[in-house]
């Protein structure tokens, strides 16, 4: 397999359809397609609207979108500095084991460093052993004591309304 370099560049508004395509491919890989409801209007607004919520890097090889990294800033109260949260990293199967994920992570880490971030973080599904091994080989630490907590849909509405009993029913 060729290990030719990937061109990594920020997504533009013209890339929204490609970003959505890559997001849907990621959802299918993670067996979460039923949860993937965002379309081009939502992604365009999130990336390029009045208050962008996230940024995307796209890896290109021979004119084809090979993968993407979607990230945004968070904040560490302990460090008193913002961090960079990698929400999604995905490489199309045809481009795996060619250095694409490494190039996307390298570029994302460079953004975190250049913006003075105190840390660069992401989550990984516990069943994704190849990804865990890859991240650890790059020097990342998988934190065993932390769990993601999520509130969505009716539970979010109930929590916002101050109805704790409703949130335990969901």
N, C-alpha and C. Protein backbone atom coordinates (compact mmCIF):
# COMPACT_ATOMS: atom_id res chain seq x y z
N UNK A 1 0.83 -1.19 0.00
CA UNK A 1 0.00 0.00 0.00
C UNK A 1 0.86 1.24 0.00
N UNK A 2 0.42 2.22 -0.71
CA UNK A 2 1.13 3.48 -0.78
C UNK A 2 0.95 4.26 0.52
N UNK A 3 2.03 4.84 0.99
CA UNK A 3 1.96 5.68 2.17
C UNK A 3 2.17 7.13 1.76
N UNK A 4 1.73 7.47 0.56
CA UNK A 4 1.87 8.83 0.07
C UNK A 4 1.16 9.79 1.02
N UNK A 5 1.67 10.97 1.09
CA UNK A 5 1.15 11.97 2.02
C UNK A 5 -0.29 12.36 1.67
N UNK A 6 -1.00 12.68 2.72
CA UNK A 6 -2.36 13.19 2.58
C UNK A 6 -2.31 14.70 2.68
N UNK A 7 -3.14 15.36 1.91
CA UNK A 7 -3.30 16.80 2.04
C UNK A 7 -4.38 17.03 3.09
N UNK A 8 -4.05 17.74 4.14
CA UNK A 8 -5.00 18.04 5.21
C UNK A 8 -5.34 19.51 5.10
N UNK A 9 -6.63 19.81 4.97
CA UNK A 9 -7.03 21.22 4.89
C UNK A 9 -8.36 21.41 5.60
N UNK A 10 -8.60 22.64 6.08
CA UNK A 10 -9.90 22.92 6.71
C UNK A 10 -11.03 22.80 5.69
N UNK A 11 -12.15 22.29 6.15
CA UNK A 11 -13.33 22.21 5.30
C UNK A 11 -13.84 23.62 5.01
N UNK A 12 -14.42 23.78 3.84
CA UNK A 12 -15.07 25.03 3.47
C UNK A 12 -16.56 24.76 3.29
N UNK A 13 -17.31 25.81 3.09
CA UNK A 13 -18.74 25.67 2.87
C UNK A 13 -19.03 24.77 1.67
N UNK A 14 -18.14 24.78 0.69
CA UNK A 14 -18.31 23.93 -0.49
C UNK A 14 -18.14 22.45 -0.17
N UNK A 15 -17.58 22.13 0.99
CA UNK A 15 -17.33 20.74 1.39
C UNK A 15 -18.43 20.13 2.25
N UNK A 16 -19.49 20.86 2.52
CA UNK A 16 -20.51 20.39 3.46
C UNK A 16 -21.07 19.03 3.05
N UNK A 17 -21.35 18.83 1.79
CA UNK A 17 -21.92 17.54 1.38
C UNK A 17 -20.92 16.40 1.64
N UNK A 18 -19.65 16.66 1.45
CA UNK A 18 -18.62 15.65 1.72
C UNK A 18 -18.55 15.36 3.22
N UNK A 19 -18.60 16.41 4.03
CA UNK A 19 -18.56 16.24 5.48
C UNK A 19 -19.75 15.39 5.95
N UNK A 20 -20.93 15.69 5.44
CA UNK A 20 -22.12 14.90 5.82
C UNK A 20 -21.96 13.46 5.38
N UNK A 21 -21.44 13.24 4.20
CA UNK A 21 -21.20 11.87 3.72
C UNK A 21 -20.24 11.12 4.64
N UNK A 22 -19.18 11.79 5.08
CA UNK A 22 -18.21 11.17 5.99
C UNK A 22 -18.82 10.92 7.37
N UNK A 23 -19.65 11.84 7.84
CA UNK A 23 -20.33 11.66 9.12
C UNK A 23 -21.24 10.43 9.06
N UNK A 24 -21.96 10.29 7.97
CA UNK A 24 -22.86 9.13 7.84
C UNK A 24 -22.07 7.82 7.74
N UNK A 25 -20.92 7.86 7.09
CA UNK A 25 -20.08 6.67 7.03
C UNK A 25 -19.55 6.31 8.42
N UNK A 26 -19.19 7.30 9.20
CA UNK A 26 -18.76 7.06 10.58
C UNK A 26 -19.89 6.45 11.39
N UNK A 27 -21.08 7.00 11.27
CA UNK A 27 -22.24 6.47 12.01
C UNK A 27 -22.49 5.01 11.65
N UNK A 28 -22.36 4.68 10.38
CA UNK A 28 -22.55 3.29 9.96
C UNK A 28 -21.47 2.39 10.55
N UNK A 29 -20.23 2.86 10.55
CA UNK A 29 -19.13 2.09 11.12
C UNK A 29 -19.36 1.82 12.61
N UNK A 30 -19.87 2.82 13.31
CA UNK A 30 -20.10 2.68 14.75
C UNK A 30 -21.45 2.03 15.06
N UNK A 31 -22.15 1.61 14.03
CA UNK A 31 -23.46 0.97 14.18
C UNK A 31 -24.45 1.91 14.89
N UNK A 32 -24.39 3.19 14.51
CA UNK A 32 -25.24 4.21 15.12
C UNK A 32 -25.99 5.03 14.07
N UNK A 33 -26.20 4.46 12.90
CA UNK A 33 -26.86 5.21 11.82
C UNK A 33 -28.22 5.75 12.23
N UNK A 34 -28.93 5.02 13.07
CA UNK A 34 -30.26 5.46 13.50
C UNK A 34 -30.20 6.77 14.28
N UNK A 35 -29.05 7.11 14.84
CA UNK A 35 -28.91 8.34 15.60
C UNK A 35 -28.42 9.51 14.76
N UNK A 36 -28.01 9.24 13.55
CA UNK A 36 -27.42 10.27 12.69
C UNK A 36 -28.53 10.95 11.90
N UNK A 37 -28.99 12.07 12.40
CA UNK A 37 -30.11 12.78 11.76
C UNK A 37 -29.69 14.12 11.14
N UNK A 38 -28.47 14.57 11.38
CA UNK A 38 -28.01 15.85 10.84
C UNK A 38 -27.86 15.75 9.33
N UNK A 39 -28.32 16.78 8.67
CA UNK A 39 -28.17 16.89 7.22
C UNK A 39 -27.31 18.08 6.87
N UNK A 40 -27.26 18.39 5.61
CA UNK A 40 -26.42 19.49 5.14
C UNK A 40 -26.78 20.83 5.78
N UNK A 41 -28.07 21.19 5.94
CA UNK A 41 -28.36 22.49 6.55
C UNK A 41 -27.82 22.61 7.98
N UNK A 42 -27.97 21.55 8.77
CA UNK A 42 -27.49 21.59 10.16
C UNK A 42 -25.97 21.67 10.23
N UNK A 43 -25.31 20.87 9.40
CA UNK A 43 -23.85 20.86 9.41
C UNK A 43 -23.30 22.19 8.88
N UNK A 44 -23.90 22.72 7.83
CA UNK A 44 -23.46 24.02 7.29
C UNK A 44 -23.59 25.10 8.35
N UNK A 45 -24.72 25.13 9.06
CA UNK A 45 -24.92 26.13 10.11
C UNK A 45 -23.92 25.95 11.24
N UNK A 46 -23.67 24.69 11.62
CA UNK A 46 -22.76 24.42 12.73
C UNK A 46 -21.31 24.78 12.40
N UNK A 47 -20.93 24.60 11.15
CA UNK A 47 -19.55 24.86 10.77
C UNK A 47 -19.31 26.28 10.25
N UNK A 48 -20.32 26.86 9.57
CA UNK A 48 -20.10 28.11 8.88
C UNK A 48 -21.15 29.18 9.16
N UNK A 49 -21.98 28.97 10.16
CA UNK A 49 -23.01 29.94 10.51
C UNK A 49 -22.43 31.13 11.27
N UNK A 50 -23.32 31.94 11.84
CA UNK A 50 -22.91 33.14 12.56
C UNK A 50 -22.02 32.83 13.76
N UNK A 51 -22.31 31.71 14.43
CA UNK A 51 -21.51 31.29 15.59
C UNK A 51 -21.08 29.84 15.39
N UNK A 52 -20.02 29.62 14.62
CA UNK A 52 -19.59 28.25 14.35
C UNK A 52 -19.37 27.46 15.63
N UNK A 53 -19.89 26.26 15.66
CA UNK A 53 -19.80 25.40 16.85
C UNK A 53 -18.63 24.43 16.75
N UNK A 54 -18.14 24.19 15.56
CA UNK A 54 -17.08 23.20 15.37
C UNK A 54 -16.31 23.54 14.10
N UNK A 55 -15.21 22.82 13.94
CA UNK A 55 -14.37 22.94 12.75
C UNK A 55 -14.08 21.55 12.23
N UNK A 56 -13.75 21.46 10.95
CA UNK A 56 -13.46 20.17 10.34
C UNK A 56 -12.19 20.28 9.51
N UNK A 57 -11.35 19.26 9.65
CA UNK A 57 -10.23 19.06 8.74
C UNK A 57 -10.59 17.87 7.86
N UNK A 58 -10.30 17.99 6.57
CA UNK A 58 -10.52 16.88 5.64
C UNK A 58 -9.16 16.43 5.11
N UNK A 59 -8.97 15.12 5.08
CA UNK A 59 -7.77 14.54 4.48
C UNK A 59 -8.11 14.18 3.04
N UNK A 60 -7.26 14.60 2.12
CA UNK A 60 -7.46 14.35 0.70
C UNK A 60 -6.29 13.54 0.16
N UNK A 61 -6.60 12.64 -0.74
CA UNK A 61 -5.57 11.89 -1.44
C UNK A 61 -6.04 11.68 -2.87
N UNK A 62 -5.23 12.11 -3.80
CA UNK A 62 -5.57 11.99 -5.23
C UNK A 62 -6.94 12.57 -5.54
N UNK A 63 -7.27 13.70 -4.92
CA UNK A 63 -8.52 14.39 -5.18
C UNK A 63 -9.74 13.79 -4.51
N UNK A 64 -9.55 12.76 -3.68
CA UNK A 64 -10.67 12.10 -3.02
C UNK A 64 -10.61 12.35 -1.51
N UNK A 65 -11.77 12.63 -0.92
CA UNK A 65 -11.84 12.82 0.53
C UNK A 65 -11.64 11.46 1.20
N UNK A 66 -10.55 11.35 1.96
CA UNK A 66 -10.18 10.08 2.58
C UNK A 66 -10.69 9.96 4.01
N UNK A 67 -10.84 11.08 4.69
CA UNK A 67 -11.27 11.05 6.08
C UNK A 67 -11.44 12.45 6.62
N UNK A 68 -11.87 12.54 7.87
CA UNK A 68 -12.07 13.85 8.47
C UNK A 68 -11.87 13.81 9.97
N UNK A 69 -11.62 14.99 10.52
CA UNK A 69 -11.56 15.20 11.96
C UNK A 69 -12.44 16.41 12.25
N UNK A 70 -13.40 16.24 13.16
CA UNK A 70 -14.27 17.33 13.57
C UNK A 70 -13.95 17.63 15.03
N UNK A 71 -13.71 18.91 15.34
CA UNK A 71 -13.29 19.29 16.69
C UNK A 71 -13.88 20.63 17.08
N UNK A 72 -13.82 20.92 18.37
CA UNK A 72 -14.27 22.20 18.90
C UNK A 72 -13.54 22.46 20.21
N UNK A 73 -13.63 23.69 20.69
CA UNK A 73 -12.97 24.03 21.94
C UNK A 73 -13.87 23.72 23.13
N UNK A 74 -13.23 23.26 24.19
CA UNK A 74 -13.87 23.14 25.49
C UNK A 74 -13.02 23.93 26.47
N UNK A 75 -13.24 23.76 27.77
CA UNK A 75 -12.48 24.54 28.74
C UNK A 75 -12.18 23.70 29.97
N UNK A 76 -10.96 23.78 30.44
CA UNK A 76 -10.56 23.10 31.67
C UNK A 76 -10.49 24.11 32.80
N UNK A 77 -11.35 23.94 33.78
CA UNK A 77 -11.29 24.83 34.94
C UNK A 77 -10.02 24.58 35.74
N UNK A 78 -9.53 23.35 35.76
CA UNK A 78 -8.32 23.04 36.51
C UNK A 78 -7.09 23.70 35.89
N UNK A 79 -7.04 23.74 34.57
CA UNK A 79 -5.91 24.37 33.89
C UNK A 79 -6.13 25.86 33.67
N UNK A 80 -7.39 26.29 33.68
CA UNK A 80 -7.70 27.69 33.38
C UNK A 80 -7.44 28.02 31.93
N UNK A 81 -7.52 27.01 31.08
CA UNK A 81 -7.25 27.18 29.65
C UNK A 81 -8.24 26.36 28.85
N UNK A 82 -8.44 26.78 27.63
CA UNK A 82 -9.30 25.99 26.77
C UNK A 82 -8.53 24.77 26.27
N UNK A 83 -9.30 23.79 25.84
CA UNK A 83 -8.74 22.59 25.25
C UNK A 83 -9.37 22.37 23.89
N UNK A 84 -8.93 21.34 23.24
CA UNK A 84 -9.51 20.98 21.95
C UNK A 84 -10.10 19.59 22.10
N UNK A 85 -11.40 19.47 21.80
CA UNK A 85 -12.10 18.20 21.88
C UNK A 85 -12.30 17.67 20.47
N UNK A 86 -11.78 16.49 20.21
CA UNK A 86 -11.95 15.82 18.92
C UNK A 86 -13.24 15.00 19.01
N UNK A 87 -14.28 15.47 18.38
CA UNK A 87 -15.57 14.79 18.44
C UNK A 87 -15.59 13.56 17.54
N UNK A 88 -15.05 13.71 16.34
CA UNK A 88 -15.08 12.61 15.38
C UNK A 88 -13.79 12.55 14.60
N UNK A 89 -13.32 11.32 14.40
CA UNK A 89 -12.20 11.03 13.52
C UNK A 89 -12.61 9.80 12.73
N UNK A 90 -12.55 9.92 11.41
CA UNK A 90 -12.97 8.81 10.57
C UNK A 90 -12.13 8.78 9.32
N UNK A 91 -11.73 7.56 8.94
CA UNK A 91 -11.00 7.33 7.69
C UNK A 91 -11.76 6.28 6.90
N UNK A 92 -12.03 6.57 5.65
CA UNK A 92 -12.71 5.60 4.80
C UNK A 92 -11.86 4.33 4.68
N UNK A 93 -12.52 3.17 4.60
CA UNK A 93 -11.78 1.90 4.56
C UNK A 93 -10.67 1.83 3.52
N UNK A 94 -10.89 2.38 2.35
CA UNK A 94 -9.88 2.31 1.28
C UNK A 94 -8.60 3.06 1.62
N UNK A 95 -8.65 3.93 2.63
CA UNK A 95 -7.50 4.76 2.97
C UNK A 95 -6.88 4.41 4.32
N UNK A 96 -7.39 3.36 4.94
CA UNK A 96 -6.85 2.97 6.25
C UNK A 96 -5.47 2.35 6.09
N UNK A 97 -4.70 2.48 7.16
CA UNK A 97 -3.33 1.93 7.24
C UNK A 97 -2.39 2.57 6.21
N UNK A 98 -2.70 3.83 5.88
CA UNK A 98 -1.86 4.58 4.96
C UNK A 98 -1.35 5.87 5.58
N UNK A 99 -1.67 6.09 6.85
CA UNK A 99 -1.20 7.29 7.54
C UNK A 99 -2.22 8.41 7.61
N UNK A 100 -3.44 8.16 7.16
CA UNK A 100 -4.46 9.21 7.14
C UNK A 100 -4.85 9.65 8.56
N UNK A 101 -5.18 8.69 9.43
CA UNK A 101 -5.58 9.05 10.80
C UNK A 101 -4.44 9.75 11.51
N UNK A 102 -3.23 9.28 11.30
CA UNK A 102 -2.07 9.92 11.91
C UNK A 102 -1.95 11.36 11.43
N UNK A 103 -2.13 11.59 10.14
CA UNK A 103 -2.03 12.95 9.59
C UNK A 103 -3.12 13.86 10.16
N UNK A 104 -4.34 13.34 10.29
CA UNK A 104 -5.43 14.13 10.86
C UNK A 104 -5.17 14.45 12.33
N UNK A 105 -4.70 13.47 13.10
CA UNK A 105 -4.39 13.71 14.51
C UNK A 105 -3.23 14.68 14.66
N UNK A 106 -2.21 14.54 13.83
CA UNK A 106 -1.07 15.45 13.86
C UNK A 106 -1.53 16.89 13.60
N UNK A 107 -2.36 17.07 12.58
CA UNK A 107 -2.84 18.41 12.25
C UNK A 107 -3.72 18.97 13.36
N UNK A 108 -4.58 18.13 13.94
CA UNK A 108 -5.45 18.58 15.03
C UNK A 108 -4.63 18.95 16.26
N UNK A 109 -3.65 18.13 16.61
CA UNK A 109 -2.78 18.43 17.75
C UNK A 109 -2.01 19.72 17.51
N UNK A 110 -1.61 19.95 16.27
CA UNK A 110 -0.92 21.20 15.94
C UNK A 110 -1.81 22.40 16.15
N UNK A 111 -3.08 22.28 15.81
CA UNK A 111 -4.02 23.37 16.06
C UNK A 111 -4.15 23.62 17.56
N UNK A 112 -4.27 22.53 18.34
CA UNK A 112 -4.37 22.68 19.79
C UNK A 112 -3.14 23.39 20.35
N UNK A 113 -1.98 22.96 19.92
CA UNK A 113 -0.73 23.59 20.38
C UNK A 113 -0.67 25.05 19.97
N UNK A 114 -0.95 25.33 18.70
CA UNK A 114 -0.84 26.69 18.18
C UNK A 114 -1.84 27.65 18.83
N UNK A 115 -2.96 27.11 19.30
CA UNK A 115 -3.97 27.95 19.96
C UNK A 115 -3.80 28.00 21.47
N UNK A 116 -2.73 27.42 21.97
CA UNK A 116 -2.44 27.47 23.40
C UNK A 116 -3.34 26.60 24.25
N UNK A 117 -3.87 25.55 23.69
CA UNK A 117 -4.76 24.67 24.44
C UNK A 117 -3.97 23.89 25.49
N UNK A 118 -4.61 23.66 26.63
CA UNK A 118 -3.98 22.91 27.70
C UNK A 118 -4.04 21.42 27.49
N UNK A 119 -4.97 20.96 26.65
CA UNK A 119 -5.07 19.54 26.38
C UNK A 119 -5.85 19.29 25.09
N UNK A 120 -5.67 18.10 24.58
CA UNK A 120 -6.33 17.63 23.37
C UNK A 120 -6.93 16.29 23.75
N UNK A 121 -8.25 16.17 23.64
CA UNK A 121 -8.94 14.99 24.14
C UNK A 121 -9.98 14.48 23.15
N UNK A 122 -10.33 13.21 23.33
CA UNK A 122 -11.40 12.59 22.57
C UNK A 122 -11.82 11.33 23.29
N UNK A 123 -12.91 10.75 22.85
CA UNK A 123 -13.35 9.48 23.42
C UNK A 123 -13.22 8.40 22.35
N UNK A 124 -13.23 7.16 22.80
CA UNK A 124 -13.15 6.03 21.89
C UNK A 124 -14.08 4.94 22.43
N UNK A 125 -14.78 4.30 21.53
CA UNK A 125 -15.67 3.21 21.95
C UNK A 125 -14.84 2.06 22.51
N UNK A 126 -15.31 1.47 23.60
CA UNK A 126 -14.52 0.43 24.27
C UNK A 126 -14.30 -0.81 23.42
N UNK A 127 -15.14 -1.03 22.42
CA UNK A 127 -14.98 -2.21 21.55
C UNK A 127 -14.01 -1.96 20.40
N UNK A 128 -13.57 -0.72 20.23
CA UNK A 128 -12.72 -0.38 19.09
C UNK A 128 -11.24 -0.56 19.46
N UNK A 129 -10.85 -1.82 19.66
CA UNK A 129 -9.48 -2.14 20.09
C UNK A 129 -8.41 -1.61 19.13
N UNK A 130 -8.61 -1.70 17.80
CA UNK A 130 -7.57 -1.17 16.91
C UNK A 130 -7.33 0.33 17.12
N UNK A 131 -8.41 1.09 17.33
CA UNK A 131 -8.25 2.53 17.57
C UNK A 131 -7.56 2.78 18.90
N UNK A 132 -7.95 2.05 19.94
CA UNK A 132 -7.33 2.23 21.25
C UNK A 132 -5.82 1.96 21.16
N UNK A 133 -5.44 0.88 20.51
CA UNK A 133 -4.02 0.56 20.35
C UNK A 133 -3.30 1.64 19.55
N UNK A 134 -3.94 2.14 18.51
CA UNK A 134 -3.35 3.19 17.68
C UNK A 134 -3.12 4.45 18.51
N UNK A 135 -4.13 4.87 19.27
CA UNK A 135 -4.00 6.08 20.09
C UNK A 135 -2.91 5.92 21.14
N UNK A 136 -2.86 4.77 21.78
CA UNK A 136 -1.84 4.54 22.79
C UNK A 136 -0.44 4.55 22.17
N UNK A 137 -0.31 4.01 20.97
CA UNK A 137 0.98 4.01 20.29
C UNK A 137 1.45 5.43 19.96
N UNK A 138 0.50 6.34 19.83
CA UNK A 138 0.84 7.74 19.58
C UNK A 138 1.16 8.50 20.86
N UNK A 139 0.99 7.85 22.01
CA UNK A 139 1.28 8.50 23.29
C UNK A 139 0.06 8.97 24.05
N UNK A 140 -1.12 8.69 23.54
CA UNK A 140 -2.35 9.08 24.23
C UNK A 140 -2.63 8.12 25.38
N UNK A 141 -3.31 8.62 26.39
CA UNK A 141 -3.71 7.82 27.54
C UNK A 141 -5.21 7.62 27.48
N UNK A 142 -5.66 6.39 27.57
CA UNK A 142 -7.08 6.09 27.66
C UNK A 142 -7.42 6.10 29.15
N UNK A 143 -8.27 7.01 29.56
CA UNK A 143 -8.59 7.19 30.98
C UNK A 143 -9.61 6.15 31.43
N UNK A 144 -9.22 5.24 32.30
CA UNK A 144 -10.12 4.15 32.69
C UNK A 144 -11.22 4.56 33.67
N UNK A 145 -11.04 5.67 34.35
CA UNK A 145 -11.97 6.03 35.42
C UNK A 145 -13.08 6.98 34.99
N UNK A 146 -13.07 7.43 33.76
CA UNK A 146 -14.04 8.43 33.32
C UNK A 146 -15.10 7.79 32.43
N UNK A 147 -16.32 8.22 32.59
CA UNK A 147 -17.44 7.78 31.76
C UNK A 147 -18.14 9.01 31.21
N UNK A 148 -18.63 8.91 30.00
CA UNK A 148 -19.40 9.99 29.39
C UNK A 148 -20.80 9.97 29.97
N UNK A 149 -21.31 11.13 30.33
CA UNK A 149 -22.67 11.28 30.84
C UNK A 149 -23.44 12.08 29.79
N UNK A 150 -24.62 11.60 29.42
CA UNK A 150 -25.36 12.22 28.33
C UNK A 150 -26.83 12.34 28.71
N UNK A 151 -27.42 13.47 28.37
CA UNK A 151 -28.85 13.71 28.55
C UNK A 151 -29.38 14.20 27.20
N UNK A 152 -30.39 13.51 26.64
CA UNK A 152 -30.94 13.88 25.34
C UNK A 152 -32.46 13.79 25.36
N UNK A 153 -33.08 14.36 24.34
CA UNK A 153 -34.52 14.22 24.12
C UNK A 153 -35.36 14.61 25.30
N UNK A 154 -36.35 13.78 25.65
CA UNK A 154 -37.26 14.10 26.76
C UNK A 154 -36.54 14.28 28.09
N UNK A 155 -35.48 13.54 28.32
CA UNK A 155 -34.74 13.69 29.57
C UNK A 155 -34.09 15.07 29.65
N UNK A 156 -33.59 15.57 28.53
CA UNK A 156 -33.01 16.91 28.50
C UNK A 156 -34.07 17.96 28.78
N UNK A 157 -35.22 17.81 28.14
CA UNK A 157 -36.31 18.77 28.38
C UNK A 157 -36.75 18.74 29.83
N UNK A 158 -36.87 17.55 30.40
CA UNK A 158 -37.28 17.43 31.80
C UNK A 158 -36.24 18.04 32.73
N UNK A 159 -34.98 17.81 32.44
CA UNK A 159 -33.93 18.38 33.28
C UNK A 159 -33.95 19.90 33.19
N UNK A 160 -34.14 20.43 31.99
CA UNK A 160 -34.19 21.87 31.80
C UNK A 160 -35.38 22.49 32.52
N UNK A 161 -36.47 21.74 32.60
CA UNK A 161 -37.67 22.21 33.28
C UNK A 161 -37.60 22.04 34.78
N UNK A 162 -36.52 21.40 35.27
CA UNK A 162 -36.37 21.20 36.71
C UNK A 162 -37.19 20.07 37.25
N UNK A 163 -37.51 19.09 36.43
CA UNK A 163 -38.32 17.95 36.86
C UNK A 163 -37.41 16.73 37.01
N UNK A 164 -36.72 16.60 38.16
CA UNK A 164 -35.78 15.48 38.30
C UNK A 164 -36.45 14.13 38.23
N UNK A 165 -37.69 14.02 38.66
CA UNK A 165 -38.38 12.72 38.59
C UNK A 165 -38.57 12.29 37.15
N UNK A 166 -38.81 13.25 36.26
CA UNK A 166 -39.00 12.92 34.84
C UNK A 166 -37.71 12.41 34.23
N UNK A 167 -36.57 12.92 34.68
CA UNK A 167 -35.31 12.47 34.08
C UNK A 167 -34.98 11.05 34.48
N UNK A 168 -35.44 10.60 35.64
CA UNK A 168 -35.14 9.22 36.04
C UNK A 168 -36.07 8.23 35.36
N UNK A 169 -37.17 8.71 34.79
CA UNK A 169 -38.10 7.82 34.09
C UNK A 169 -37.62 7.52 32.68
N UNK A 170 -36.67 8.26 32.15
CA UNK A 170 -36.24 8.09 30.75
C UNK A 170 -35.06 7.17 30.63
